[in-house]
Amino acid sequence: MLRVGSFVRNPFSFLFAKSAKEEHVAEYVIREHHAGRPLTEIVTDHYVLNRLSPQQIARLLEREDVIRAVGHDDVESVRQQL
């Protein structure tokens, strides 16, 4: 019943919800970048490509936590390559 009530209050909330899959991939990207891998290599990794669509990858590169961890310049460079 609570789910129906929350849907009625905000019927478009599902459009802005982050999926668990996206959360796991964001954590993976941050972890791998801290381990020294370049962002371009990480986003073309099979782990990422098998879990996210190109639109989801673009959305991943807009996340504040990813930008903060990886760096704005690196994210912009990858966005231009994609």
PDB file of N, CA and C in Angstrom:
ATOM      1  N   MET A   1       0.814  -1.191   0.000  1.00  0.00           N
ATOM      2  CA  MET A   1       0.000   0.000   0.000  1.00  0.00           C
ATOM      3  C   MET A   1       0.859   1.256   0.000  1.00  0.00           C
ATOM      4  N   LEU A   2       1.976   1.229   0.703  1.00  0.00           N
ATOM      5  CA  LEU A   2       2.847   2.395   0.741  1.00  0.00           C
ATOM      6  C   LEU A   2       3.417   2.710  -0.634  1.00  0.00           C
ATOM      7  N   ARG A   3       3.717   1.705  -1.406  1.00  0.00           N
ATOM      8  CA  ARG A   3       4.275   1.925  -2.730  1.00  0.00           C
ATOM      9  C   ARG A   3       3.271   2.642  -3.628  1.00  0.00           C
ATOM     10  N   VAL A   4       2.013   2.251  -3.553  1.00  0.00           N
ATOM     11  CA  VAL A   4       0.988   2.902  -4.355  1.00  0.00           C
ATOM     12  C   VAL A   4       0.852   4.354  -3.914  1.00  0.00           C
ATOM     13  N   GLY A   5       0.878   4.579  -2.625  1.00  0.00           N
ATOM     14  CA  GLY A   5       0.769   5.937  -2.104  1.00  0.00           C
ATOM     15  C   GLY A   5       1.926   6.813  -2.551  1.00  0.00           C
ATOM     16  N   SER A   6       3.140   6.284  -2.524  1.00  0.00           N
ATOM     17  CA  SER A   6       4.282   7.083  -2.957  1.00  0.00           C
ATOM     18  C   SER A   6       4.250   7.309  -4.464  1.00  0.00           C
ATOM     19  N   PHE A   7       3.716   6.353  -5.209  1.00  0.00           N
ATOM     20  CA  PHE A   7       3.593   6.524  -6.654  1.00  0.00           C
ATOM     21  C   PHE A   7       2.586   7.616  -6.983  1.00  0.00           C
ATOM     22  N   VAL A   8       1.494   7.645  -6.215  1.00  0.00           N
ATOM     23  CA  VAL A   8       0.474   8.662  -6.445  1.00  0.00           C
ATOM     24  C   VAL A   8       1.026  10.045  -6.136  1.00  0.00           C
ATOM     25  N   ARG A   9       1.838  10.164  -5.090  1.00  0.00           N
ATOM     26  CA  ARG A   9       2.427  11.456  -4.732  1.00  0.00           C
ATOM     27  C   ARG A   9       3.406  11.941  -5.797  1.00  0.00           C
ATOM     28  N   ASN A  10       4.195  11.033  -6.352  1.00  0.00           N
ATOM     29  CA  ASN A  10       5.183  11.409  -7.368  1.00  0.00           C
ATOM     30  C   ASN A  10       5.223  10.332  -8.444  1.00  0.00           C
ATOM     31  N   PRO A  11       4.346  10.406  -9.426  1.00  0.00           N
ATOM     32  CA  PRO A  11       4.255   9.341 -10.426  1.00  0.00           C
ATOM     33  C   PRO A  11       5.485   9.223 -11.318  1.00  0.00           C
ATOM     34  N   PHE A  12       6.360  10.210 -11.319  1.00  0.00           N
ATOM     35  CA  PHE A  12       7.549  10.145 -12.163  1.00  0.00           C
ATOM     36  C   PHE A  12       8.823   9.863 -11.380  1.00  0.00           C
ATOM     37  N   SER A  13       8.701   9.464 -10.148  1.00  0.00           N
ATOM     38  CA  SER A  13       9.881   9.231  -9.317  1.00  0.00           C
ATOM     39  C   SER A  13      10.769   8.135  -9.878  1.00  0.00           C
ATOM     40  N   PHE A  14      10.180   7.164 -10.567  1.00  0.00           N
ATOM     41  CA  PHE A  14      10.981   6.081 -11.128  1.00  0.00           C
ATOM     42  C   PHE A  14      11.964   6.591 -12.181  1.00  0.00           C
ATOM     43  N   LEU A  15      11.688   7.723 -12.797  1.00  0.00           N
ATOM     44  CA  LEU A  15      12.585   8.265 -13.810  1.00  0.00           C
ATOM     45  C   LEU A  15      13.889   8.775 -13.205  1.00  0.00           C
ATOM     46  N   PHE A  16      13.843   9.160 -11.942  1.00  0.00           N
ATOM     47  CA  PHE A  16      15.012   9.749 -11.307  1.00  0.00           C
ATOM     48  C   PHE A  16      15.692   8.797 -10.329  1.00  0.00           C
ATOM     49  N   ALA A  17      15.145   7.619 -10.161  1.00  0.00           N
ATOM     50  CA  ALA A  17      15.710   6.654  -9.225  1.00  0.00           C
ATOM     51  C   ALA A  17      16.965   6.023  -9.807  1.00  0.00           C
ATOM     52  N   LYS A  18      17.962   5.872  -8.982  1.00  0.00           N
ATOM     53  CA  LYS A  18      19.185   5.215  -9.411  1.00  0.00           C
ATOM     54  C   LYS A  18      19.015   3.719  -9.189  1.00  0.00           C
ATOM     55  N   SER A  19      19.380   2.950 -10.176  1.00  0.00           N
ATOM     56  CA  SER A  19      19.265   1.511 -10.034  1.00  0.00           C
ATOM     57  C   SER A  19      20.431   0.989  -9.206  1.00  0.00           C
ATOM     58  N   ALA A  20      20.226  -0.156  -8.612  1.00  0.00           N
ATOM     59  CA  ALA A  20      21.294  -0.787  -7.833  1.00  0.00           C
ATOM     60  C   ALA A  20      22.469  -1.104  -8.748  1.00  0.00           C
ATOM     61  N   LYS A  21      22.159  -1.455  -9.990  1.00  0.00           N
ATOM     62  CA  LYS A  21      23.207  -1.756 -10.953  1.00  0.00           C
ATOM     63  C   LYS A  21      24.100  -0.534 -11.180  1.00  0.00           C
ATOM     64  N   GLU A  22      23.482   0.625 -11.339  1.00  0.00           N
ATOM     65  CA  GLU A  22      24.248   1.853 -11.539  1.00  0.00           C
ATOM     66  C   GLU A  22      25.093   2.187 -10.313  1.00  0.00           C
ATOM     67  N   GLU A  23      24.542   1.939  -9.140  1.00  0.00           N
ATOM     68  CA  GLU A  23      25.291   2.186  -7.901  1.00  0.00           C
ATOM     69  C   GLU A  23      26.540   1.312  -7.842  1.00  0.00           C
ATOM     70  N   HIS A  24      26.386   0.029  -8.171  1.00  0.00           N
ATOM     71  CA  HIS A  24      27.522  -0.902  -8.135  1.00  0.00           C
ATOM     72  C   HIS A  24      28.583  -0.518  -9.156  1.00  0.00           C
ATOM     73  N   VAL A  25      28.156  -0.117 -10.334  1.00  0.00           N
ATOM     74  CA  VAL A  25      29.111   0.275 -11.368  1.00  0.00           C
ATOM     75  C   VAL A  25      29.818   1.572 -10.974  1.00  0.00           C
ATOM     76  N   ALA A  26      29.103   2.508 -10.378  1.00  0.00           N
ATOM     77  CA  ALA A  26      29.734   3.755  -9.918  1.00  0.00           C
ATOM     78  C   ALA A  26      30.810   3.443  -8.874  1.00  0.00           C
ATOM     79  N   GLU A  27      30.506   2.558  -7.949  1.00  0.00           N
ATOM     80  CA  GLU A  27      31.491   2.153  -6.948  1.00  0.00           C
ATOM     81  C   GLU A  27      32.691   1.492  -7.604  1.00  0.00           C
ATOM     82  N   TYR A  28      32.434   0.654  -8.611  1.00  0.00           N
ATOM     83  CA  TYR A  28      33.504  -0.016  -9.352  1.00  0.00           C
ATOM     84  C   TYR A  28      34.392   1.000 -10.054  1.00  0.00           C
ATOM     85  N   VAL A  29      33.784   1.974 -10.731  1.00  0.00           N
ATOM     86  CA  VAL A  29      34.540   2.995 -11.456  1.00  0.00           C
ATOM     87  C   VAL A  29      35.432   3.769 -10.493  1.00  0.00           C
ATOM     88  N   ILE A  30      34.884   4.193  -9.382  1.00  0.00           N
ATOM     89  CA  ILE A  30      35.658   4.945  -8.392  1.00  0.00           C
ATOM     90  C   ILE A  30      36.789   4.095  -7.827  1.00  0.00           C
ATOM     91  N   ARG A  31      36.493   2.862  -7.472  1.00  0.00           N
ATOM     92  CA  ARG A  31      37.500   1.963  -6.898  1.00  0.00           C
ATOM     93  C   ARG A  31      38.638   1.712  -7.898  1.00  0.00           C
ATOM     94  N   GLU A  32      38.287   1.419  -9.146  1.00  0.00           N
ATOM     95  CA  GLU A  32      39.302   1.138 -10.161  1.00  0.00           C
ATOM     96  C   GLU A  32      40.141   2.377 -10.471  1.00  0.00           C
ATOM     97  N   HIS A  33      39.515   3.544 -10.467  1.00  0.00           N
ATOM     98  CA  HIS A  33      40.268   4.777 -10.721  1.00  0.00           C
ATOM     99  C   HIS A  33      41.250   5.036  -9.591  1.00  0.00           C
ATOM    100  N   HIS A  34      40.824   4.799  -8.360  1.00  0.00           N
ATOM    101  CA  HIS A  34      41.734   4.968  -7.219  1.00  0.00           C
ATOM    102  C   HIS A  34      42.877   3.958  -7.265  1.00  0.00           C
ATOM    103  N   ALA A  35      42.656   2.820  -7.930  1.00  0.00           N
ATOM    104  CA  ALA A  35      43.703   1.811  -8.078  1.00  0.00           C
ATOM    105  C   ALA A  35      44.685   2.178  -9.192  1.00  0.00           C
ATOM    106  N   GLY A  36      44.390   3.271  -9.923  1.00  0.00           N
ATOM    107  CA  GLY A  36      45.333   3.750 -10.909  1.00  0.00           C
ATOM    108  C   GLY A  36      44.943   3.556 -12.364  1.00  0.00           C
ATOM    109  N   ARG A  37      43.788   2.983 -12.624  1.00  0.00           N
ATOM    110  CA  ARG A  37      43.367   2.781 -14.012  1.00  0.00           C
ATOM    111  C   ARG A  37      42.797   4.068 -14.592  1.00  0.00           C
ATOM    112  N   PRO A  38      43.078   4.342 -15.866  1.00  0.00           N
ATOM    113  CA  PRO A  38      42.492   5.534 -16.500  1.00  0.00           C
ATOM    114  C   PRO A  38      40.993   5.350 -16.724  1.00  0.00           C
ATOM    115  N   LEU A  39      40.255   6.448 -16.646  1.00  0.00           N
ATOM    116  CA  LEU A  39      38.799   6.399 -16.775  1.00  0.00           C
ATOM    117  C   LEU A  39      38.366   5.850 -18.129  1.00  0.00           C
ATOM    118  N   THR A  40      39.090   6.200 -19.189  1.00  0.00           N
ATOM    119  CA  THR A  40      38.708   5.701 -20.517  1.00  0.00           C
ATOM    120  C   THR A  40      38.757   4.184 -20.571  1.00  0.00           C
ATOM    121  N   GLU A  41      39.719   3.612 -19.904  1.00  0.00           N
ATOM    122  CA  GLU A  41      39.845   2.153 -19.858  1.00  0.00           C
ATOM    123  C   GLU A  41      38.726   1.538 -19.017  1.00  0.00           C
ATOM    124  N   ILE A  42      38.379   2.201 -17.938  1.00  0.00           N
ATOM    125  CA  ILE A  42      37.362   1.658 -17.033  1.00  0.00           C
ATOM    126  C   ILE A  42      35.985   1.635 -17.697  1.00  0.00           C
ATOM    127  N   VAL A  43      35.590   2.730 -18.360  1.00  0.00           N
ATOM    128  CA  VAL A  43      34.239   2.772 -18.943  1.00  0.00           C
ATOM    129  C   VAL A  43      34.104   1.884 -20.170  1.00  0.00           C
ATOM    130  N   THR A  44      35.223   1.428 -20.733  1.00  0.00           N
ATOM    131  CA  THR A  44      35.156   0.476 -21.843  1.00  0.00           C
ATOM    132  C   THR A  44      35.420  -0.953 -21.381  1.00  0.00           C
ATOM    133  N   ASP A  45      35.518  -1.118 -20.084  1.00  0.00           N
ATOM    134  CA  ASP A  45      35.704  -2.435 -19.472  1.00  0.00           C
ATOM    135  C   ASP A  45      34.442  -3.273 -19.674  1.00  0.00           C
ATOM    136  N   HIS A  46      34.621  -4.582 -19.852  1.00  0.00           N
ATOM    137  CA  HIS A  46      33.471  -5.473 -20.046  1.00  0.00           C
ATOM    138  C   HIS A  46      32.505  -5.425 -18.868  1.00  0.00           C
ATOM    139  N   TYR A  47      33.027  -5.235 -17.662  1.00  0.00           N
ATOM    140  CA  TYR A  47      32.166  -5.158 -16.486  1.00  0.00           C
ATOM    141  C   TYR A  47      31.154  -4.028 -16.633  1.00  0.00           C
ATOM    142  N   VAL A  48      31.616  -2.882 -17.094  1.00  0.00           N
ATOM    143  CA  VAL A  48      30.742  -1.718 -17.256  1.00  0.00           C
ATOM    144  C   VAL A  48      29.821  -1.906 -18.451  1.00  0.00           C
ATOM    145  N   LEU A  49      30.378  -2.293 -19.585  1.00  0.00           N
ATOM    146  CA  LEU A  49      29.587  -2.420 -20.817  1.00  0.00           C
ATOM    147  C   LEU A  49      28.518  -3.502 -20.736  1.00  0.00           C
ATOM    148  N   ASN A  50      28.775  -4.536 -19.954  1.00  0.00           N
ATOM    149  CA  ASN A  50      27.784  -5.607 -19.808  1.00  0.00           C
ATOM    150  C   ASN A  50      26.654  -5.245 -18.855  1.00  0.00           C
ATOM    151  N   ARG A  51      26.825  -4.184 -18.086  1.00  0.00           N
ATOM    152  CA  ARG A  51      25.819  -3.830 -17.085  1.00  0.00           C
ATOM    153  C   ARG A  51      25.039  -2.558 -17.384  1.00  0.00           C
ATOM    154  N   LEU A  52      25.637  -1.652 -18.151  1.00  0.00           N
ATOM    155  CA  LEU A  52      24.985  -0.371 -18.409  1.00  0.00           C
ATOM    156  C   LEU A  52      24.851  -0.103 -19.903  1.00  0.00           C
ATOM    157  N   SER A  53      23.760   0.542 -20.251  1.00  0.00           N
ATOM    158  CA  SER A  53      23.559   0.987 -21.627  1.00  0.00           C
ATOM    159  C   SER A  53      24.390   2.253 -21.847  1.00  0.00           C
ATOM    160  N   PRO A  54      24.570   2.668 -23.103  1.00  0.00           N
ATOM    161  CA  PRO A  54      25.291   3.925 -23.333  1.00  0.00           C
ATOM    162  C   PRO A  54      24.657   5.124 -22.622  1.00  0.00           C
ATOM    163  N   GLN A  55      23.332   5.154 -22.537  1.00  0.00           N
ATOM    164  CA  GLN A  55      22.658   6.241 -21.831  1.00  0.00           C
ATOM    165  C   GLN A  55      22.969   6.198 -20.334  1.00  0.00           C
ATOM    166  N   GLN A  56      23.021   4.999 -19.777  1.00  0.00           N
ATOM    167  CA  GLN A  56      23.335   4.869 -18.358  1.00  0.00           C
ATOM    168  C   GLN A  56      24.787   5.244 -18.075  1.00  0.00           C
ATOM    169  N   ILE A  57      25.683   4.923 -19.004  1.00  0.00           N
ATOM    170  CA  ILE A  57      27.086   5.315 -18.835  1.00  0.00           C
ATOM    171  C   ILE A  57      27.198   6.836 -18.860  1.00  0.00           C
ATOM    172  N   ALA A  58      26.475   7.471 -19.772  1.00  0.00           N
ATOM    173  CA  ALA A  58      26.479   8.937 -19.827  1.00  0.00           C
ATOM    174  C   ALA A  58      25.952   9.518 -18.519  1.00  0.00           C
ATOM    175  N   ARG A  59      24.902   8.913 -17.979  1.00  0.00           N
ATOM    176  CA  ARG A  59      24.339   9.372 -16.707  1.00  0.00           C
ATOM    177  C   ARG A  59      25.338   9.144 -15.571  1.00  0.00           C
ATOM    178  N   LEU A  60      26.074   8.040 -15.634  1.00  0.00           N
ATOM    179  CA  LEU A  60      27.089   7.735 -14.626  1.00  0.00           C
ATOM    180  C   LEU A  60      28.151   8.829 -14.596  1.00  0.00           C
ATOM    181  N   LEU A  61      28.509   9.335 -15.779  1.00  0.00           N
ATOM    182  CA  LEU A  61      29.534  10.372 -15.871  1.00  0.00           C
ATOM    183  C   LEU A  61      29.027  11.744 -15.454  1.00  0.00           C
ATOM    184  N   GLU A  62      27.745  11.847 -15.128  1.00  0.00           N
ATOM    185  CA  GLU A  62      27.175  13.096 -14.628  1.00  0.00           C
ATOM    186  C   GLU A  62      27.004  13.084 -13.112  1.00  0.00           C
ATOM    187  N   ARG A  63      27.264  11.949 -12.502  1.00  0.00           N
ATOM    188  CA  ARG A  63      27.095  11.827 -11.047  1.00  0.00           C
ATOM    189  C   ARG A  63      28.173  12.612 -10.309  1.00  0.00           C
ATOM    190  N   GLU A  64      27.742  13.355  -9.302  1.00  0.00           N
ATOM    191  CA  GLU A  64      28.666  14.173  -8.516  1.00  0.00           C
ATOM    192  C   GLU A  64      29.738  13.336  -7.825  1.00  0.00           C
ATOM    193  N   ASP A  65      29.357  12.172  -7.275  1.00  0.00           N
ATOM    194  CA  ASP A  65      30.339  11.353  -6.565  1.00  0.00           C
ATOM    195  C   ASP A  65      31.415  10.841  -7.511  1.00  0.00           C
ATOM    196  N   VAL A  66      31.047  10.494  -8.731  1.00  0.00           N
ATOM    197  CA  VAL A  66      32.024  10.022  -9.714  1.00  0.00           C
ATOM    198  C   VAL A  66      32.922  11.182 -10.147  1.00  0.00           C
ATOM    199  N   ILE A  67      32.322  12.338 -10.425  1.00  0.00           N
ATOM    200  CA  ILE A  67      33.101  13.504 -10.851  1.00  0.00           C
ATOM    201  C   ILE A  67      34.092  13.909  -9.768  1.00  0.00           C
ATOM    202  N   ARG A  68      33.634  13.919  -8.510  1.00  0.00           N
ATOM    203  CA  ARG A  68      34.517  14.282  -7.394  1.00  0.00           C
ATOM    204  C   ARG A  68      35.672  13.302  -7.262  1.00  0.00           C
ATOM    205  N   ALA A  69      35.393  12.009  -7.399  1.00  0.00           N
ATOM    206  CA  ALA A  69      36.418  10.984  -7.197  1.00  0.00           C
ATOM    207  C   ALA A  69      37.411  10.910  -8.360  1.00  0.00           C
ATOM    208  N   VAL A  70      36.912  11.111  -9.565  1.00  0.00           N
ATOM    209  CA  VAL A  70      37.733  10.912 -10.762  1.00  0.00           C
ATOM    210  C   VAL A  70      38.356  12.222 -11.239  1.00  0.00           C
ATOM    211  N   GLY A  71      37.627  13.293 -11.103  1.00  0.00           N
ATOM    212  CA  GLY A  71      38.108  14.585 -11.568  1.00  0.00           C
ATOM    213  C   GLY A  71      37.303  15.056 -12.771  1.00  0.00           C
ATOM    214  N   HIS A  72      36.970  16.327 -12.758  1.00  0.00           N
ATOM    215  CA  HIS A  72      36.129  16.918 -13.798  1.00  0.00           C
ATOM    216  C   HIS A  72      36.773  16.809 -15.173  1.00  0.00           C
ATOM    217  N   ASP A  73      38.082  17.061 -15.267  1.00  0.00           N
ATOM    218  CA  ASP A  73      38.765  17.030 -16.560  1.00  0.00           C
ATOM    219  C   ASP A  73      38.743  15.633 -17.175  1.00  0.00           C
ATOM    220  N   ASP A  74      38.965  14.613 -16.359  1.00  0.00           N
ATOM    221  CA  ASP A  74      38.931  13.236 -16.865  1.00  0.00           C
ATOM    222  C   ASP A  74      37.534  12.867 -17.357  1.00  0.00           C
ATOM    223  N   VAL A  75      36.519  13.268 -16.614  1.00  0.00           N
ATOM    224  CA  VAL A  75      35.145  12.961 -17.002  1.00  0.00           C
ATOM    225  C   VAL A  75      34.798  13.660 -18.311  1.00  0.00           C
ATOM    226  N   GLU A  76      35.183  14.925 -18.448  1.00  0.00           N
ATOM    227  CA  GLU A  76      34.907  15.662 -19.683  1.00  0.00           C
ATOM    228  C   GLU A  76      35.611  15.024 -20.872  1.00  0.00           C
ATOM    229  N   SER A  77      36.812  14.581 -20.678  1.00  0.00           N
ATOM    230  CA  SER A  77      37.565  13.927 -21.747  1.00  0.00           C
ATOM    231  C   SER A  77      36.868  12.657 -22.216  1.00  0.00           C
ATOM    232  N   VAL A  78      36.390  11.867 -21.291  1.00  0.00           N
ATOM    233  CA  VAL A  78      35.696  10.616 -21.642  1.00  0.00           C
ATOM    234  C   VAL A  78      34.360  10.918 -22.294  1.00  0.00           C
ATOM    235  N   ARG A  79      33.647  11.918 -21.803  1.00  0.00           N
ATOM    236  CA  ARG A  79      32.360  12.304 -22.423  1.00  0.00           C
ATOM    237  C   ARG A  79      32.557  12.660 -23.893  1.00  0.00           C
ATOM    238  N   GLN A  80      33.604  13.378 -24.206  1.00  0.00           N
ATOM    239  CA  GLN A  80      33.866  13.763 -25.592  1.00  0.00           C
ATOM    240  C   GLN A  80      34.226  12.563 -26.457  1.00  0.00           C
ATOM    241  N   GLN A  81      34.880  11.577 -25.871  1.00  0.00           N
ATOM    242  CA  GLN A  81      35.259  10.375 -26.626  1.00  0.00           C
ATOM    243  C   GLN A  81      34.067   9.480 -26.897  1.00  0.00           C
ATOM    244  N   LEU A  82      33.105   9.494 -25.979  1.00  0.00           N
ATOM    245  CA  LEU A  82      31.922   8.649 -26.155  1.00  0.00           C
ATOM    246  C   LEU A  82      30.971   9.377 -27.063  1.00  0.00           C
TER     247      LEU A  82
END
